[in-house]
Protein backbone atom coordinates (compact mmCIF):
# COMPACT_ATOMS: atom_id res chain seq x y z
CA MET A 1 4.97 -97.66 30.42
CA LEU A 2 4.59 -94.83 27.90
CA GLN A 3 1.07 -93.74 26.99
CA ILE A 4 -0.06 -91.11 24.54
CA GLN A 5 -3.49 -89.54 24.94
CA PHE A 6 -5.34 -87.50 22.33
CA ILE A 7 -8.78 -86.77 20.90
CA ASN A 8 -9.51 -88.15 17.42
CA LYS A 9 -11.56 -86.65 14.57
CA LYS A 10 -14.77 -88.11 16.05
CA LEU A 11 -13.97 -86.26 19.28
CA GLU A 12 -13.34 -89.54 21.10
CA ARG A 13 -10.73 -89.68 23.84
CA CYS A 14 -8.00 -92.09 22.71
CA GLN A 15 -4.98 -93.60 24.35
CA ILE A 16 -2.04 -95.43 22.83
CA ASN A 17 0.02 -97.73 25.01
CA VAL A 18 3.42 -97.68 23.33
CA SER A 19 4.73 -100.70 25.29
CA SER A 20 1.92 -103.04 24.18
CA MET A 21 1.28 -101.16 20.89
CA GLU A 22 -2.47 -100.99 21.56
CA GLU A 23 -4.87 -98.14 20.94
CA GLU A 24 -7.95 -97.74 23.11
CA TYR A 25 -10.84 -95.45 22.32
CA GLN A 26 -14.11 -95.59 24.22
CA THR A 27 -14.85 -99.32 24.57
CA ARG A 28 -12.80 -100.42 21.55
CA LYS A 29 -9.24 -101.67 21.50
CA ARG A 30 -6.98 -102.43 18.55
CA THR A 31 -3.37 -103.29 17.85
CA VAL A 32 -1.26 -100.48 16.44
CA ARG A 33 0.88 -101.56 13.50
CA ARG A 34 4.02 -99.58 13.16
CA LYS A 35 6.97 -100.06 10.88
CA ARG A 36 10.22 -98.34 11.71
CA ILE A 37 11.63 -96.35 8.81
CA ASP A 38 15.40 -96.20 8.58
CA SER A 39 15.97 -92.47 8.58
CA SER A 40 19.69 -92.67 8.07
CA LEU A 41 20.89 -90.91 4.98
CA SER A 42 23.29 -93.11 3.06
CA ASN A 43 26.87 -93.24 4.36
CA VAL A 44 26.82 -89.70 5.73
CA LYS A 45 26.98 -88.35 9.25
CA LYS A 46 23.54 -87.28 10.37
CA PRO A 47 23.23 -83.51 9.97
CA ASP A 48 22.16 -81.32 12.88
CA ALA A 49 19.37 -79.76 10.82
CA ASN A 50 16.67 -81.43 8.72
CA PHE A 51 18.16 -79.95 5.55
CA HIS A 52 21.84 -80.11 4.64
CA ARG A 53 23.97 -79.66 1.50
CA VAL A 54 27.13 -81.72 1.08
CA VAL A 55 29.62 -80.73 -1.63
CA LEU A 56 31.00 -83.94 -3.13
CA LEU A 57 34.73 -84.38 -3.59
CA LYS A 58 35.76 -84.73 -7.24
CA SER A 59 37.62 -87.93 -6.33
CA SER A 60 34.59 -89.59 -4.68
CA LYS A 61 32.73 -92.46 -6.33
CA GLU A 62 29.43 -90.60 -5.89
CA TYR A 63 30.77 -87.52 -7.72
CA ILE A 64 32.15 -89.64 -10.57
CA ASP A 65 28.88 -91.62 -10.89
CA VAL A 66 26.81 -88.42 -11.13
CA LEU A 67 29.28 -86.83 -13.56
CA ASN A 68 29.24 -89.93 -15.81
CA ARG A 69 25.43 -90.00 -15.86
CA PHE A 70 25.36 -86.29 -16.66
CA ASP A 71 28.07 -86.55 -19.32
CA SER A 72 26.31 -89.44 -21.08
CA THR A 73 24.14 -86.82 -22.83
CA MET A 74 25.85 -83.50 -22.00
CA LYS A 75 29.55 -84.08 -22.73
CA ASN A 76 31.00 -81.15 -24.75
CA ASN A 77 27.77 -79.17 -24.25
CA TYR A 78 28.81 -77.22 -21.16
CA PHE A 79 31.82 -75.18 -20.11
CA GLU A 80 32.44 -76.25 -16.52
CA ILE A 81 30.79 -78.06 -13.63
CA LEU A 82 31.20 -75.78 -10.63
CA LYS A 83 30.15 -78.31 -8.02
CA ILE A 84 28.05 -81.38 -7.40
CA GLU A 85 26.16 -81.46 -4.12
CA ARG A 86 24.19 -84.12 -2.31
CA ILE A 87 21.02 -82.65 -0.86
CA GLN A 88 20.10 -84.27 2.45
CA ASN A 89 16.59 -83.64 3.69
CA GLU A 90 15.68 -86.18 6.35
CA ARG A 91 11.95 -85.38 6.31
CA TRP A 92 11.66 -85.97 2.55
CA TYR A 93 13.93 -89.03 2.70
CA LYS A 94 11.59 -90.62 5.27
CA GLN A 95 8.57 -89.80 3.12
CA TYR A 96 10.29 -91.33 0.09
CA ALA A 97 11.09 -94.48 2.12
CA VAL A 98 7.45 -94.86 3.25
CA HIS A 99 6.09 -94.43 -0.29
CA HIS A 100 8.78 -96.75 -1.70
CA ASP A 101 7.82 -99.46 0.80
CA GLY A 102 4.12 -98.99 -0.02
CA PHE A 103 4.72 -99.33 -3.76
CA THR A 104 6.93 -102.37 -3.20
CA GLN A 105 4.14 -104.11 -1.26
CA ARG A 106 1.40 -103.32 -3.80
CA TYR A 107 3.23 -103.48 -7.11
CA THR A 108 6.33 -104.83 -8.76
CA PRO A 109 9.22 -103.36 -6.82
CA PRO A 110 9.94 -99.86 -8.17
CA ASP A 111 13.30 -99.42 -9.81
CA GLY A 112 14.05 -96.07 -8.15
CA ARG A 113 15.12 -94.44 -11.41
CA LEU A 114 17.52 -91.51 -11.39
CA LEU A 115 16.07 -88.67 -13.45
CA PHE A 116 17.09 -85.08 -14.15
CA HIS A 117 15.04 -81.98 -13.31
CA ASP A 118 15.76 -78.44 -14.46
CA CYS A 119 15.00 -75.27 -12.55
CA SER A 120 16.14 -71.76 -11.80
CA SER A 121 18.68 -71.25 -9.01
CA THR A 122 15.94 -69.61 -6.92
CA SER A 123 13.73 -72.67 -7.28
CA ALA A 124 16.71 -74.94 -6.58
CA ASP A 125 16.98 -73.59 -3.04
CA LYS A 126 13.25 -74.12 -2.48
CA ILE A 127 13.46 -77.64 -3.90
CA ALA A 128 16.45 -78.53 -1.72
CA GLN A 129 14.60 -77.41 1.41
CA GLU A 130 11.02 -78.37 0.55
CA CYS A 131 11.38 -81.06 -2.12
CA PHE A 132 9.71 -81.12 -5.52
CA ASN A 133 6.40 -79.33 -5.36
CA GLN A 134 4.07 -78.52 -8.21
CA THR A 135 3.57 -75.01 -6.81
CA PHE A 136 7.09 -74.33 -8.11
CA ALA A 137 6.06 -75.64 -11.56
CA GLY A 138 6.21 -73.13 -14.37
CA LEU A 139 8.96 -71.16 -12.67
CA ASN A 140 11.69 -72.39 -15.04
CA GLY A 141 13.13 -69.22 -15.52
CA LYS A 142 11.07 -80.12 -6.39
CA ILE A 143 17.56 -88.10 -1.39
CA ASN A 144 19.52 -85.71 -3.99
CA PHE A 145 22.04 -84.16 -6.40
CA SER A 146 22.54 -80.69 -7.83
CA LEU A 147 24.72 -79.76 -10.79
CA ASN A 148 25.71 -76.14 -11.36
CA MET A 149 27.05 -75.28 -14.80
CA LYS A 150 28.60 -72.20 -16.33
CA GLY A 151 29.27 -71.31 -19.94
CA SER A 152 27.65 -69.93 -23.01
CA VAL A 153 23.94 -70.53 -22.72
CA ARG A 154 20.79 -70.03 -24.71
CA ILE A 155 17.89 -68.77 -22.62
CA LEU A 156 14.68 -70.66 -23.25
CA PHE A 157 11.78 -69.78 -20.97
CA VAL A 158 9.01 -72.34 -21.15
CA GLY A 159 7.40 -73.07 -17.78
CA THR A 160 5.01 -75.96 -17.40
CA ILE A 161 4.21 -77.00 -20.95
CA TYR A 162 2.05 -80.10 -20.43
CA GLY A 163 -0.22 -78.99 -17.59
CA LYS A 164 0.39 -78.94 -13.86
CA GLY A 165 3.13 -81.01 -12.32
CA VAL A 166 6.85 -81.49 -11.94
CA TYR A 167 8.73 -82.90 -14.90
CA PHE A 168 11.76 -85.17 -14.96
CA HIS A 169 13.80 -86.60 -17.81
CA GLU A 170 16.31 -89.40 -18.15
CA HIS A 171 18.67 -87.26 -20.26
CA ALA A 172 20.49 -84.26 -18.77
CA ARG A 173 20.63 -82.61 -22.19
CA TYR A 174 16.83 -82.37 -22.30
CA SER A 175 16.63 -80.86 -18.81
CA ASN A 176 19.44 -78.44 -19.67
CA LYS A 177 17.25 -76.89 -22.39
CA TYR A 178 14.77 -75.74 -19.73
CA ALA A 179 17.13 -74.77 -16.90
CA LYS A 180 17.09 -70.99 -16.63
CA PRO A 181 20.58 -69.52 -16.09
CA ASN A 182 21.19 -66.98 -13.34
CA ALA A 183 22.98 -63.63 -13.86
CA SER A 184 26.36 -65.44 -13.90
CA LYS A 185 25.08 -67.81 -16.61
CA GLU A 186 25.07 -70.73 -14.18
CA ARG A 187 22.38 -73.37 -14.42
CA THR A 188 21.12 -75.82 -11.83
CA ILE A 189 19.95 -79.34 -12.60
CA PHE A 190 18.86 -81.96 -10.08
CA LEU A 191 19.41 -85.67 -10.37
CA ALA A 192 16.66 -87.24 -8.26
CA ARG A 193 15.79 -90.81 -7.37
CA ILE A 194 12.16 -91.18 -8.44
């Protein structure tokens, strides 16, 4: 029988009996409700670390799907796609799954839209490791995809234009306008399930 003991915010000694899923504190007892979240990242071997980048093969269905979505508004507006990566971050995937389940129970099931987000390459690394975070907002120059592009670019530095937050758009072309190129004129754009 596994038991977990701790002191809660009211400084009461508490005990959870994992076998019976009951919590006891002082003279009170209640059933612990727990829902298991599937932490497996879609059709990929579980990485050793919490954060992992997977370069997609050009012949894979996932690569082609992302490319087609990107090209629907960007075709002939970029020179070359250097790579498409799937960002695997188990911690953020679990958090997404919990929020998705909560929204599904309270509201009409969310559609899990795929939207684009622009950023600098420096911010892209932070986003991949720590997810989208409004503390990165305004830096233009946060279970996902990254597109790196190279070619002739126009630098447009805007930052957060409508207040605090993280912005997404359904068209890659719009996000491309705000993605700040690095010294090699490469841009990074995320395709995120929101």
